[in-house]
Amino acid sequence: MLKLDDIIGEEQIKEHFTGAIEQKKVSHAYIFEGEAGCGKKALAYAFAKILQCEKGESTPCGCCQSCLQAESGNHPDIITVTHAKPNSFGVEEMRQQLVNDMEIKPYSGRYKIYIIPDAELLTGEAQNAILKTIEEPPSYGIVMLLTTNTGRFLPTIMSRCVKLTVKPVDNRKVYQYLEDHYELDEEMLRFATEFAFGNIGKACRCVESEEFLEMRDMCIHMLKHIPEWEIPDIVFSVKEAAQYKLQMLDFLDMMSMWFRDVLFIKVTKNPNKLIFREQFRVLLDQAKYISYEGIEDIIRAIDNAKVRIDANVGEEVVLELLLFRIKEHLKWMK
């Protein structure tokens, strides 16, 4: 479990934690909002460790029984609420793991803290089930909802929680973190930093995951060859890309970065600041054929595709329509 000081950035949230503890104004319900990999979970568990420390100060001692249990991930009063179905958090899971369990006093800690990852998956019934608990919790009860999308929450839930937004970290800090923790060449350091958009978890996933690198290669291949592809080629490529269903938003982010490079090369003709620098010739060729309006239309279409996928529209349908849109702007390159 990371210490609060080990978490890069998020100074406002850290200051909020410190102030709440020192002023004895710790809330009984928090929402941590931010994209996947941004550090919501690390912040929540670090805060929980501070709250449970036997010293009761704004910095954990790291030596007491509570700190040692939190550090090992075995604190009986820091509870992670889980769900069985991949895309849904049901009412019974919330009743059993949180509502009913909170009626039992803490085993050893000052608080009983419930951390709920993927809280955007809570059904309306599940949210209603915890509403009374959030409204009238026992003095020791704290609920932390971790989410990528607060738009999925009922207004009654939102109004009863303190909302903390986890913000992107400065690119220089992301680059430095990668340089300090991984042996990478300059090209990969630059690509992972730019791709992460201030999300250190995302940057680490870039350099650690072989699947991610395979996905990157597939995306580049797709965007290089789409001008010459016919309908069967596009359909086939979509089927291949479907294996990355859980990473489809990353796939779309890469496509967006590609066309931002096309725009940059169209304006400057300078390859030095490109993200896909090794594809300079291809990017330059595409920049010659596509208009500024066309690049803008493609980037807007990619953003719309992300919204549709987030709304659970089928990934293959979304990607296929997007590729046809891109091909329409690059068709004269054949």
C-alpha atoms as a PDB file:
ATOM      1  CA  MET A   1       0.000   0.000   0.000  1.00  0.00           C
ATOM      2  CA  LEU A   2       1.455   3.356  -1.051  1.00  0.00           C
ATOM      3  CA  LYS A   3       2.011   6.102   1.484  1.00  0.00           C
ATOM      4  CA  LEU A   4       0.331   9.400   0.680  1.00  0.00           C
ATOM      5  CA  ASP A   5       3.739  11.049   0.168  1.00  0.00           C
ATOM      6  CA  ASP A   6       4.639   8.381  -2.404  1.00  0.00           C
ATOM      7  CA  ILE A   7       1.708   9.344  -4.654  1.00  0.00           C
ATOM      8  CA  ILE A   8       2.822  11.755  -7.379  1.00  0.00           C
ATOM      9  CA  GLY A   9       0.786  14.942  -7.727  1.00  0.00           C
ATOM     10  CA  GLU A  10      -2.758  15.396  -6.337  1.00  0.00           C
ATOM     11  CA  GLU A  11      -1.595  18.010  -3.821  1.00  0.00           C
ATOM     12  CA  GLN A  12      -5.099  19.453  -3.373  1.00  0.00           C
ATOM     13  CA  ILE A  13      -6.530  16.073  -2.397  1.00  0.00           C
ATOM     14  CA  LYS A  14      -3.651  15.439  -0.002  1.00  0.00           C
ATOM     15  CA  GLU A  15      -4.239  18.832   1.597  1.00  0.00           C
ATOM     16  CA  HIS A  16      -7.949  18.020   1.894  1.00  0.00           C
ATOM     17  CA  PHE A  17      -7.117  14.794   3.750  1.00  0.00           C
ATOM     18  CA  THR A  18      -4.738  16.589   6.108  1.00  0.00           C
ATOM     19  CA  GLY A  19      -7.205  19.389   6.818  1.00  0.00           C
ATOM     20  CA  ALA A  20     -10.119  17.019   7.409  1.00  0.00           C
ATOM     21  CA  ILE A  21      -8.144  15.015   9.964  1.00  0.00           C
ATOM     22  CA  GLU A  22      -6.621  17.996  11.751  1.00  0.00           C
ATOM     23  CA  GLN A  23      -9.961  19.817  11.926  1.00  0.00           C
ATOM     24  CA  LYS A  24     -11.820  16.602  12.805  1.00  0.00           C
ATOM     25  CA  LYS A  25     -14.121  17.018   9.793  1.00  0.00           C
ATOM     26  CA  VAL A  26     -13.730  13.618   8.162  1.00  0.00           C
ATOM     27  CA  SER A  27     -16.790  12.883   6.010  1.00  0.00           C
ATOM     28  CA  HIS A  28     -18.725   9.614   6.137  1.00  0.00           C
ATOM     29  CA  ALA A  29     -18.930   9.418   2.329  1.00  0.00           C
ATOM     30  CA  TYR A  30     -16.444  10.265  -0.433  1.00  0.00           C
ATOM     31  CA  ILE A  31     -16.442  10.013  -4.211  1.00  0.00           C
ATOM     32  CA  PHE A  32     -13.048   9.718  -5.938  1.00  0.00           C
ATOM     33  CA  GLU A  33     -13.512  10.473  -9.626  1.00  0.00           C
ATOM     34  CA  GLY A  34     -10.913  10.017 -12.369  1.00  0.00           C
ATOM     35  CA  GLU A  35     -10.063   7.838 -15.339  1.00  0.00           C
ATOM     36  CA  ALA A  36      -8.829   4.284 -14.923  1.00  0.00           C
ATOM     37  CA  GLY A  37      -5.234   4.144 -13.675  1.00  0.00           C
ATOM     38  CA  CYS A  38      -5.134   7.729 -12.408  1.00  0.00           C
ATOM     39  CA  GLY A  39      -4.504   6.772  -8.753  1.00  0.00           C
ATOM     40  CA  LYS A  40      -7.982   6.797  -7.169  1.00  0.00           C
ATOM     41  CA  LYS A  41      -7.429   3.494  -5.428  1.00  0.00           C
ATOM     42  CA  ALA A  42      -3.964   4.448  -4.147  1.00  0.00           C
ATOM     43  CA  LEU A  43      -5.349   7.686  -2.690  1.00  0.00           C
ATOM     44  CA  ALA A  44      -8.313   5.951  -1.058  1.00  0.00           C
ATOM     45  CA  TYR A  45      -6.206   3.256   0.601  1.00  0.00           C
ATOM     46  CA  ALA A  46      -3.565   5.753   1.700  1.00  0.00           C
ATOM     47  CA  PHE A  47      -6.295   7.872   3.314  1.00  0.00           C
ATOM     48  CA  ALA A  48      -7.793   4.802   4.956  1.00  0.00           C
ATOM     49  CA  LYS A  49      -4.399   3.908   6.415  1.00  0.00           C
ATOM     50  CA  ILE A  50      -4.043   7.398   7.916  1.00  0.00           C
ATOM     51  CA  LEU A  51      -7.559   7.263   9.388  1.00  0.00           C
ATOM     52  CA  GLN A  52      -6.918   3.914  11.041  1.00  0.00           C
ATOM     53  CA  CYS A  53      -3.486   4.791  12.473  1.00  0.00           C
ATOM     54  CA  GLU A  54      -3.534   4.490  16.259  1.00  0.00           C
ATOM     55  CA  LYS A  55      -1.731   7.845  16.630  1.00  0.00           C
ATOM     56  CA  GLY A  56      -4.749   9.653  15.166  1.00  0.00           C
ATOM     57  CA  GLU A  57      -2.634  12.247  13.366  1.00  0.00           C
ATOM     58  CA  SER A  58      -2.558  13.447   9.740  1.00  0.00           C
ATOM     59  CA  THR A  59       0.526  11.321   9.011  1.00  0.00           C
ATOM     60  CA  PRO A  60       0.505   7.573   9.755  1.00  0.00           C
ATOM     61  CA  CYS A  61       3.184   6.358  12.146  1.00  0.00           C
ATOM     62  CA  GLY A  62       3.864   3.222  10.086  1.00  0.00           C
ATOM     63  CA  CYS A  63       4.684   1.259  13.248  1.00  0.00           C
ATOM     64  CA  CYS A  64       1.425   0.539  15.065  1.00  0.00           C
ATOM     65  CA  GLN A  65      -0.570  -2.661  14.579  1.00  0.00           C
ATOM     66  CA  SER A  66      -3.138  -0.849  12.462  1.00  0.00           C
ATOM     67  CA  CYS A  67      -0.512   0.612  10.104  1.00  0.00           C
ATOM     68  CA  LEU A  68       1.198  -2.763   9.739  1.00  0.00           C
ATOM     69  CA  GLN A  69      -2.116  -4.454   8.928  1.00  0.00           C
ATOM     70  CA  ALA A  70      -3.007  -1.735   6.413  1.00  0.00           C
ATOM     71  CA  GLU A  71       0.437  -1.993   4.817  1.00  0.00           C
ATOM     72  CA  SER A  72       0.020  -5.746   4.334  1.00  0.00           C
ATOM     73  CA  GLY A  73      -3.506  -5.370   2.956  1.00  0.00           C
ATOM     74  CA  ASN A  74      -5.000  -7.314   5.873  1.00  0.00           C
ATOM     75  CA  HIS A  75      -6.673  -4.645   7.979  1.00  0.00           C
ATOM     76  CA  PRO A  76     -10.034  -6.106   9.111  1.00  0.00           C
ATOM     77  CA  ASP A  77     -11.693  -2.666   9.104  1.00  0.00           C
ATOM     78  CA  ILE A  78     -10.543  -1.550   5.630  1.00  0.00           C
ATOM     79  CA  ILE A  79     -12.938  -3.459   3.422  1.00  0.00           C
ATOM     80  CA  THR A  80     -12.936  -3.657  -0.379  1.00  0.00           C
ATOM     81  CA  VAL A  81     -16.443  -4.202  -1.739  1.00  0.00           C
ATOM     82  CA  THR A  82     -16.434  -6.489  -4.798  1.00  0.00           C
ATOM     83  CA  HIS A  83     -18.856  -7.570  -7.515  1.00  0.00           C
ATOM     84  CA  ALA A  84     -19.200 -10.883  -9.344  1.00  0.00           C
ATOM     85  CA  LYS A  85     -20.565  -9.719 -12.707  1.00  0.00           C
ATOM     86  CA  PRO A  86     -18.064  -7.805 -14.874  1.00  0.00           C
ATOM     87  CA  ASN A  87     -20.446  -4.994 -15.833  1.00  0.00           C
ATOM     88  CA  SER A  88     -22.807  -4.691 -12.893  1.00  0.00           C
ATOM     89  CA  PHE A  89     -22.771  -4.066  -9.143  1.00  0.00           C
ATOM     90  CA  GLY A  90     -25.968  -5.551  -7.737  1.00  0.00           C
ATOM     91  CA  VAL A  91     -28.169  -4.678  -4.797  1.00  0.00           C
ATOM     92  CA  GLU A  92     -27.562  -7.940  -2.919  1.00  0.00           C
ATOM     93  CA  GLU A  93     -23.795  -7.467  -3.098  1.00  0.00           C
ATOM     94  CA  MET A  94     -24.148  -4.040  -1.525  1.00  0.00           C
ATOM     95  CA  ARG A  95     -26.521  -5.241   1.179  1.00  0.00           C
ATOM     96  CA  GLN A  96     -24.333  -8.178   2.180  1.00  0.00           C
ATOM     97  CA  GLN A  97     -20.918  -6.532   1.961  1.00  0.00           C
ATOM     98  CA  LEU A  98     -21.761  -3.022   3.149  1.00  0.00           C
ATOM     99  CA  VAL A  99     -25.230  -2.278   4.531  1.00  0.00           C
ATOM    100  CA  ASN A 100     -25.525  -5.322   6.812  1.00  0.00           C
ATOM    101  CA  ASP A 101     -21.823  -5.491   7.595  1.00  0.00           C
ATOM    102  CA  MET A 102     -21.664  -1.877   8.752  1.00  0.00           C
ATOM    103  CA  GLU A 103     -24.051  -2.720  11.575  1.00  0.00           C
ATOM    104  CA  ILE A 104     -21.192  -4.707  13.145  1.00  0.00           C
ATOM    105  CA  LYS A 105     -18.760  -2.483  15.051  1.00  0.00           C
ATOM    106  CA  PRO A 106     -15.100  -2.274  13.993  1.00  0.00           C
ATOM    107  CA  TYR A 107     -12.907  -5.184  15.042  1.00  0.00           C
ATOM    108  CA  SER A 108      -9.938  -3.066  16.037  1.00  0.00           C
ATOM    109  CA  GLY A 109      -9.861   0.224  14.144  1.00  0.00           C
ATOM    110  CA  ARG A 110     -11.289   3.634  14.909  1.00  0.00           C
ATOM    111  CA  TYR A 111     -13.378   3.416  11.739  1.00  0.00           C
ATOM    112  CA  LYS A 112     -14.902   0.829   9.487  1.00  0.00           C
ATOM    113  CA  ILE A 113     -13.973   1.923   5.964  1.00  0.00           C
ATOM    114  CA  TYR A 114     -15.608   0.531   2.834  1.00  0.00           C
ATOM    115  CA  ILE A 115     -13.823   1.126  -0.483  1.00  0.00           C
ATOM    116  CA  ILE A 116     -15.920   0.489  -3.616  1.00  0.00           C
ATOM    117  CA  PRO A 117     -13.925   0.313  -6.890  1.00  0.00           C
ATOM    118  CA  ASP A 118     -15.877   0.479 -10.184  1.00  0.00           C
ATOM    119  CA  ALA A 119     -18.688   2.306  -8.387  1.00  0.00           C
ATOM    120  CA  GLU A 120     -20.053   3.560 -11.726  1.00  0.00           C
ATOM    121  CA  LEU A 121     -21.326  -0.011 -12.188  1.00  0.00           C
ATOM    122  CA  LEU A 122     -23.707   0.254  -9.214  1.00  0.00           C
ATOM    123  CA  THR A 123     -27.267  -0.325 -10.349  1.00  0.00           C
ATOM    124  CA  GLY A 124     -29.966   2.150  -9.336  1.00  0.00           C
ATOM    125  CA  GLU A 125     -31.264  -0.386  -6.818  1.00  0.00           C
ATOM    126  CA  ALA A 126     -27.778  -0.863  -5.363  1.00  0.00           C
ATOM    127  CA  GLN A 127     -27.348   2.893  -4.982  1.00  0.00           C
ATOM    128  CA  ASN A 128     -30.713   3.192  -3.270  1.00  0.00           C
ATOM    129  CA  ALA A 129     -29.718   0.330  -0.965  1.00  0.00           C
ATOM    130  CA  ILE A 130     -26.721   2.262   0.391  1.00  0.00           C
ATOM    131  CA  LEU A 131     -28.451   5.645   0.455  1.00  0.00           C
ATOM    132  CA  LYS A 132     -29.769   5.348   4.002  1.00  0.00           C
ATOM    133  CA  THR A 133     -26.392   4.070   5.180  1.00  0.00           C
ATOM    134  CA  ILE A 134     -24.700   7.140   3.683  1.00  0.00           C
ATOM    135  CA  GLU A 135     -27.375   9.468   5.079  1.00  0.00           C
ATOM    136  CA  GLU A 136     -27.352   8.068   8.617  1.00  0.00           C
ATOM    137  CA  PRO A 137     -24.126   6.103   9.110  1.00  0.00           C
ATOM    138  CA  PRO A 138     -22.852   4.947  12.482  1.00  0.00           C
ATOM    139  CA  SER A 139     -20.132   7.219  13.835  1.00  0.00           C
ATOM    140  CA  TYR A 140     -17.438   4.774  12.726  1.00  0.00           C
ATOM    141  CA  GLY A 141     -18.709   4.185   9.154  1.00  0.00           C
ATOM    142  CA  ILE A 142     -16.953   5.636   6.079  1.00  0.00           C
ATOM    143  CA  VAL A 143     -17.778   4.822   2.440  1.00  0.00           C
ATOM    144  CA  MET A 144     -15.415   5.638  -0.449  1.00  0.00           C
ATOM    145  CA  LEU A 145     -16.821   5.322  -3.978  1.00  0.00           C
ATOM    146  CA  LEU A 146     -14.186   5.117  -6.728  1.00  0.00           C
ATOM    147  CA  THR A 147     -15.513   5.911 -10.189  1.00  0.00           C
ATOM    148  CA  THR A 148     -14.596   6.901 -13.727  1.00  0.00           C
ATOM    149  CA  ASN A 149     -17.990   8.517 -14.268  1.00  0.00           C
ATOM    150  CA  THR A 150     -20.083  10.334 -11.655  1.00  0.00           C
ATOM    151  CA  GLY A 151     -22.791  10.745 -14.297  1.00  0.00           C
ATOM    152  CA  ARG A 152     -23.899   7.207 -13.420  1.00  0.00           C
ATOM    153  CA  PHE A 153     -24.756   8.183  -9.835  1.00  0.00           C
ATOM    154  CA  LEU A 154     -28.168   9.192  -8.560  1.00  0.00           C
ATOM    155  CA  PRO A 155     -28.405  12.870  -7.513  1.00  0.00           C
ATOM    156  CA  THR A 156     -29.195  11.716  -3.976  1.00  0.00           C
ATOM    157  CA  ILE A 157     -25.867   9.876  -3.807  1.00  0.00           C
ATOM    158  CA  MET A 158     -23.932  12.833  -5.239  1.00  0.00           C
ATOM    159  CA  SER A 159     -25.454  15.299  -2.796  1.00  0.00           C
ATOM    160  CA  ARG A 160     -24.398  13.274   0.248  1.00  0.00           C
ATOM    161  CA  CYS A 161     -20.764  12.675  -0.663  1.00  0.00           C
ATOM    162  CA  VAL A 162     -17.617  14.794  -0.717  1.00  0.00           C
ATOM    163  CA  LYS A 163     -16.389  14.669  -4.324  1.00  0.00           C
ATOM    164  CA  LEU A 164     -12.637  14.538  -4.967  1.00  0.00           C
ATOM    165  CA  THR A 165     -11.489  14.726  -8.600  1.00  0.00           C
ATOM    166  CA  VAL A 166      -8.154  13.079  -9.366  1.00  0.00           C
ATOM    167  CA  LYS A 167      -6.406  15.285 -11.937  1.00  0.00           C
ATOM    168  CA  PRO A 168      -3.740  14.485 -14.548  1.00  0.00           C
ATOM    169  CA  VAL A 169      -0.111  14.721 -13.445  1.00  0.00           C
ATOM    170  CA  ASP A 170       2.303  17.032 -15.265  1.00  0.00           C
ATOM    171  CA  ASN A 171       3.951  15.233 -18.219  1.00  0.00           C
ATOM    172  CA  ARG A 172       7.416  15.991 -16.854  1.00  0.00           C
ATOM    173  CA  LYS A 173       6.609  14.066 -13.675  1.00  0.00           C
ATOM    174  CA  VAL A 174       5.242  11.130 -15.685  1.00  0.00           C
ATOM    175  CA  TYR A 175       8.396  11.076 -17.848  1.00  0.00           C
ATOM    176  CA  GLN A 176      10.626  11.249 -14.760  1.00  0.00           C
ATOM    177  CA  TYR A 177       8.705   8.444 -13.052  1.00  0.00           C
ATOM    178  CA  LEU A 178       9.096   6.165 -16.091  1.00  0.00           C
ATOM    179  CA  GLU A 179      12.770   7.043 -16.431  1.00  0.00           C
ATOM    180  CA  ASP A 180      13.372   6.239 -12.747  1.00  0.00           C
ATOM    181  CA  HIS A 181      11.455   2.941 -12.703  1.00  0.00           C
ATOM    182  CA  TYR A 182      11.984   1.369 -16.140  1.00  0.00           C
ATOM    183  CA  GLU A 183      14.805   0.814 -18.616  1.00  0.00           C
ATOM    184  CA  LEU A 184      13.343   2.387 -21.752  1.00  0.00           C
ATOM    185  CA  ASP A 185      14.702   4.036 -24.870  1.00  0.00           C
ATOM    186  CA  GLU A 186      13.868   7.655 -25.579  1.00  0.00           C
ATOM    187  CA  GLU A 187      11.180   6.807 -28.139  1.00  0.00           C
ATOM    188  CA  MET A 188       9.220   4.585 -25.742  1.00  0.00           C
ATOM    189  CA  LEU A 189       9.621   7.062 -22.872  1.00  0.00           C
ATOM    190  CA  ARG A 190       8.187   9.817 -25.040  1.00  0.00           C
ATOM    191  CA  PHE A 191       5.370   7.687 -26.452  1.00  0.00           C
ATOM    192  CA  ALA A 192       4.236   6.365 -23.047  1.00  0.00           C
ATOM    193  CA  THR A 193       4.361   9.854 -21.528  1.00  0.00           C
ATOM    194  CA  GLU A 194       2.315  11.435 -24.308  1.00  0.00           C
ATOM    195  CA  PHE A 195      -0.150   8.555 -24.477  1.00  0.00           C
ATOM    196  CA  ALA A 196      -0.793   8.625 -20.727  1.00  0.00           C
ATOM    197  CA  PHE A 197      -2.050  12.241 -20.697  1.00  0.00           C
ATOM    198  CA  GLY A 198      -0.902  12.647 -17.091  1.00  0.00           C
ATOM    199  CA  ASN A 199      -2.076   9.196 -15.944  1.00  0.00           C
ATOM    200  CA  ILE A 200       0.866   7.345 -14.380  1.00  0.00           C
ATOM    201  CA  GLY A 201      -1.042   4.060 -14.151  1.00  0.00           C
ATOM    202  CA  LYS A 202      -1.748   4.274 -17.870  1.00  0.00           C
ATOM    203  CA  ALA A 203       1.888   5.092 -18.625  1.00  0.00           C
ATOM    204  CA  CYS A 204       3.033   2.031 -16.664  1.00  0.00           C
ATOM    205  CA  ARG A 205       0.544  -0.153 -18.503  1.00  0.00           C
ATOM    206  CA  CYS A 206       2.031   1.081 -21.793  1.00  0.00           C
ATOM    207  CA  VAL A 207       5.514  -0.131 -20.982  1.00  0.00           C
ATOM    208  CA  GLU A 208       4.673  -3.262 -18.962  1.00  0.00           C
ATOM    209  CA  SER A 209       2.019  -4.927 -21.119  1.00  0.00           C
ATOM    210  CA  GLU A 210       2.979  -6.958 -24.179  1.00  0.00           C
ATOM    211  CA  GLU A 211      -0.678  -6.918 -25.168  1.00  0.00           C
ATOM    212  CA  PHE A 212      -0.599  -3.128 -25.179  1.00  0.00           C
ATOM    213  CA  LEU A 213       2.401  -3.088 -27.501  1.00  0.00           C
ATOM    214  CA  GLU A 214       0.647  -5.575 -29.809  1.00  0.00           C
ATOM    215  CA  MET A 215      -2.422  -3.328 -29.800  1.00  0.00           C
ATOM    216  CA  ARG A 216      -0.252  -0.323 -30.655  1.00  0.00           C
ATOM    217  CA  ASP A 217       1.265  -2.185 -33.619  1.00  0.00           C
ATOM    218  CA  MET A 218      -2.186  -3.218 -34.841  1.00  0.00           C
ATOM    219  CA  CYS A 219      -3.478   0.336 -34.596  1.00  0.00           C
ATOM    220  CA  ILE A 220      -0.509   1.686 -36.569  1.00  0.00           C
ATOM    221  CA  HIS A 221      -0.935  -1.015 -39.228  1.00  0.00           C
ATOM    222  CA  MET A 222      -4.628  -0.183 -39.520  1.00  0.00           C
ATOM    223  CA  LEU A 223      -4.091   3.565 -39.913  1.00  0.00           C
ATOM    224  CA  LYS A 224      -1.224   3.122 -42.381  1.00  0.00           C
ATOM    225  CA  HIS A 225      -3.153   0.856 -44.721  1.00  0.00           C
ATOM    226  CA  ILE A 226      -6.764   2.009 -44.464  1.00  0.00           C
ATOM    227  CA  PRO A 227      -6.535   4.228 -47.601  1.00  0.00           C
ATOM    228  CA  GLU A 228      -5.970   1.142 -49.761  1.00  0.00           C
ATOM    229  CA  TRP A 229      -8.412  -1.177 -47.984  1.00  0.00           C
ATOM    230  CA  GLU A 230     -11.739  -2.321 -49.384  1.00  0.00           C
ATOM    231  CA  ILE A 231     -14.832  -3.168 -47.295  1.00  0.00           C
ATOM    232  CA  PRO A 232     -13.791  -6.802 -46.564  1.00  0.00           C
ATOM    233  CA  ASP A 233     -10.381  -5.596 -45.330  1.00  0.00           C
ATOM    234  CA  ILE A 234     -11.991  -3.138 -42.923  1.00  0.00           C
ATOM    235  CA  VAL A 235     -14.443  -5.732 -41.621  1.00  0.00           C
ATOM    236  CA  PHE A 236     -11.592  -8.210 -41.098  1.00  0.00           C
ATOM    237  CA  SER A 237      -9.450  -5.641 -39.263  1.00  0.00           C
ATOM    238  CA  VAL A 238     -12.366  -4.766 -36.965  1.00  0.00           C
ATOM    239  CA  LYS A 239     -12.755  -8.450 -36.061  1.00  0.00           C
ATOM    240  CA  GLU A 240      -9.047  -8.587 -35.214  1.00  0.00           C
ATOM    241  CA  ALA A 241      -9.230  -5.424 -33.113  1.00  0.00           C
ATOM    242  CA  ALA A 242     -12.225  -6.828 -31.204  1.00  0.00           C
ATOM    243  CA  GLN A 243      -9.831  -8.973 -29.160  1.00  0.00           C
ATOM    244  CA  TYR A 244      -8.873  -5.737 -27.387  1.00  0.00           C
ATOM    245  CA  LYS A 245     -12.449  -5.082 -26.312  1.00  0.00           C
ATOM    246  CA  LEU A 246     -11.482  -4.138 -22.756  1.00  0.00           C
ATOM    247  CA  GLN A 247      -8.818  -1.743 -24.062  1.00  0.00           C
ATOM    248  CA  MET A 248     -10.910  -0.189 -26.827  1.00  0.00           C
ATOM    249  CA  LEU A 249     -10.761   3.290 -25.301  1.00  0.00           C
ATOM    250  CA  ASP A 250      -6.955   3.043 -25.334  1.00  0.00           C
ATOM    251  CA  PHE A 251      -7.160   1.923 -28.961  1.00  0.00           C
ATOM    252  CA  LEU A 252      -9.212   5.013 -29.808  1.00  0.00           C
ATOM    253  CA  ASP A 253      -6.812   7.253 -27.876  1.00  0.00           C
ATOM    254  CA  MET A 254      -3.988   5.961 -30.071  1.00  0.00           C
ATOM    255  CA  MET A 255      -5.990   6.748 -33.195  1.00  0.00           C
ATOM    256  CA  SER A 256      -6.596  10.256 -31.908  1.00  0.00           C
ATOM    257  CA  MET A 257      -2.868  10.724 -31.247  1.00  0.00           C
ATOM    258  CA  TRP A 258      -2.108   9.562 -34.795  1.00  0.00           C
ATOM    259  CA  PHE A 259      -4.303  12.238 -36.360  1.00  0.00           C
ATOM    260  CA  ARG A 260      -2.958  14.895 -34.024  1.00  0.00           C
ATOM    261  CA  ASP A 261       0.446  13.970 -35.463  1.00  0.00           C
ATOM    262  CA  VAL A 262      -1.005  14.312 -38.975  1.00  0.00           C
ATOM    263  CA  LEU A 263      -2.246  17.783 -38.042  1.00  0.00           C
ATOM    264  CA  PHE A 264       1.106  18.740 -36.508  1.00  0.00           C
ATOM    265  CA  ILE A 265       3.079  17.616 -39.556  1.00  0.00           C
ATOM    266  CA  LYS A 266       0.640  19.394 -41.862  1.00  0.00           C
ATOM    267  CA  VAL A 267       1.243  22.657 -40.009  1.00  0.00           C
ATOM    268  CA  THR A 268       4.986  22.422 -39.256  1.00  0.00           C
ATOM    269  CA  LYS A 269       6.550  19.685 -41.471  1.00  0.00           C
ATOM    270  CA  ASN A 270       8.752  19.079 -38.392  1.00  0.00           C
ATOM    271  CA  PRO A 271       9.133  15.418 -37.280  1.00  0.00           C
ATOM    272  CA  ASN A 272      10.917  16.151 -33.998  1.00  0.00           C
ATOM    273  CA  LYS A 273       7.859  16.481 -31.767  1.00  0.00           C
ATOM    274  CA  LEU A 274       5.753  13.711 -33.304  1.00  0.00           C
ATOM    275  CA  ILE A 275       4.505  10.921 -31.064  1.00  0.00           C
ATOM    276  CA  PHE A 276       4.700   8.392 -33.925  1.00  0.00           C
ATOM    277  CA  ARG A 277       8.002   9.812 -35.161  1.00  0.00           C
ATOM    278  CA  GLU A 278       9.068   6.541 -36.786  1.00  0.00           C
ATOM    279  CA  GLN A 279       6.017   6.829 -39.093  1.00  0.00           C
ATOM    280  CA  PHE A 280       7.000  10.271 -40.376  1.00  0.00           C
ATOM    281  CA  ARG A 281       6.759   9.427 -44.100  1.00  0.00           C
ATOM    282  CA  VAL A 282       3.283   7.917 -43.756  1.00  0.00           C
ATOM    283  CA  LEU A 283       2.047  10.824 -41.632  1.00  0.00           C
ATOM    284  CA  LEU A 284       3.451  13.303 -44.144  1.00  0.00           C
ATOM    285  CA  ASP A 285       1.710  11.534 -47.032  1.00  0.00           C
ATOM    286  CA  GLN A 286      -1.617  11.553 -45.194  1.00  0.00           C
ATOM    287  CA  ALA A 287      -1.173  15.217 -44.281  1.00  0.00           C
ATOM    288  CA  LYS A 288      -0.840  16.070 -47.992  1.00  0.00           C
ATOM    289  CA  TYR A 289      -4.171  14.469 -48.883  1.00  0.00           C
ATOM    290  CA  ILE A 290      -6.375  15.381 -45.958  1.00  0.00           C
ATOM    291  CA  SER A 291      -7.738  18.847 -45.235  1.00  0.00           C
ATOM    292  CA  TYR A 292      -7.697  20.617 -41.871  1.00  0.00           C
ATOM    293  CA  GLU A 293     -11.463  20.173 -41.768  1.00  0.00           C
ATOM    294  CA  GLY A 294     -11.031  16.463 -42.463  1.00  0.00           C
ATOM    295  CA  ILE A 295      -8.593  16.019 -39.563  1.00  0.00           C
ATOM    296  CA  GLU A 296     -10.953  17.898 -37.272  1.00  0.00           C
ATOM    297  CA  ASP A 297     -13.858  15.722 -38.410  1.00  0.00           C
ATOM    298  CA  ILE A 298     -11.896  12.516 -37.740  1.00  0.00           C
ATOM    299  CA  ILE A 299     -10.799  13.601 -34.250  1.00  0.00           C
ATOM    300  CA  ARG A 300     -14.390  14.580 -33.450  1.00  0.00           C
ATOM    301  CA  ALA A 301     -15.600  11.195 -34.764  1.00  0.00           C
ATOM    302  CA  ILE A 302     -13.077   9.412 -32.499  1.00  0.00           C
ATOM    303  CA  ASP A 303     -14.317  11.391 -29.491  1.00  0.00           C
ATOM    304  CA  ASN A 304     -17.915  10.462 -30.378  1.00  0.00           C
ATOM    305  CA  ALA A 305     -16.877   6.802 -30.670  1.00  0.00           C
ATOM    306  CA  LYS A 306     -15.540   6.928 -27.089  1.00  0.00           C
ATOM    307  CA  VAL A 307     -18.869   8.290 -25.878  1.00  0.00           C
ATOM    308  CA  ARG A 308     -20.772   5.494 -27.650  1.00  0.00           C
ATOM    309  CA  ILE A 309     -18.535   2.792 -26.197  1.00  0.00           C
ATOM    310  CA  ASP A 310     -18.908   4.296 -22.735  1.00  0.00           C
ATOM    311  CA  ALA A 311     -22.672   4.060 -23.298  1.00  0.00           C
ATOM    312  CA  ASN A 312     -22.253   0.301 -24.013  1.00  0.00           C
ATOM    313  CA  VAL A 313     -22.756   0.460 -27.788  1.00  0.00           C
ATOM    314  CA  GLY A 314     -21.057  -2.560 -29.418  1.00  0.00           C
ATOM    315  CA  GLU A 315     -17.328  -1.985 -29.973  1.00  0.00           C
ATOM    316  CA  GLU A 316     -17.234  -3.624 -33.414  1.00  0.00           C
ATOM    317  CA  VAL A 317     -20.074  -1.496 -34.743  1.00  0.00           C
ATOM    318  CA  VAL A 318     -18.524   1.692 -33.387  1.00  0.00           C
ATOM    319  CA  LEU A 319     -15.048   0.911 -34.760  1.00  0.00           C
ATOM    320  CA  GLU A 320     -16.335  -0.157 -38.170  1.00  0.00           C
ATOM    321  CA  LEU A 321     -18.300   3.078 -38.635  1.00  0.00           C
ATOM    322  CA  LEU A 322     -15.273   5.081 -37.498  1.00  0.00           C
ATOM    323  CA  LEU A 323     -12.919   3.367 -39.961  1.00  0.00           C
ATOM    324  CA  PHE A 324     -15.284   4.026 -42.861  1.00  0.00           C
ATOM    325  CA  ARG A 325     -15.351   7.687 -41.806  1.00  0.00           C
ATOM    326  CA  ILE A 326     -11.546   7.824 -41.767  1.00  0.00           C
ATOM    327  CA  LYS A 327     -11.296   6.068 -45.118  1.00  0.00           C
ATOM    328  CA  GLU A 328     -13.665   8.592 -46.671  1.00  0.00           C
ATOM    329  CA  HIS A 329     -11.177  11.361 -45.874  1.00  0.00           C
ATOM    330  CA  LEU A 330      -8.149   9.374 -47.116  1.00  0.00           C
ATOM    331  CA  LYS A 331      -9.690   7.636 -50.159  1.00  0.00           C
ATOM    332  CA  TRP A 332      -7.696   9.707 -52.678  1.00  0.00           C
ATOM    333  CA  MET A 333      -4.416   8.234 -51.390  1.00  0.00           C
ATOM    334  CA  LYS A 334      -4.958   4.918 -53.195  1.00  0.00           C
END
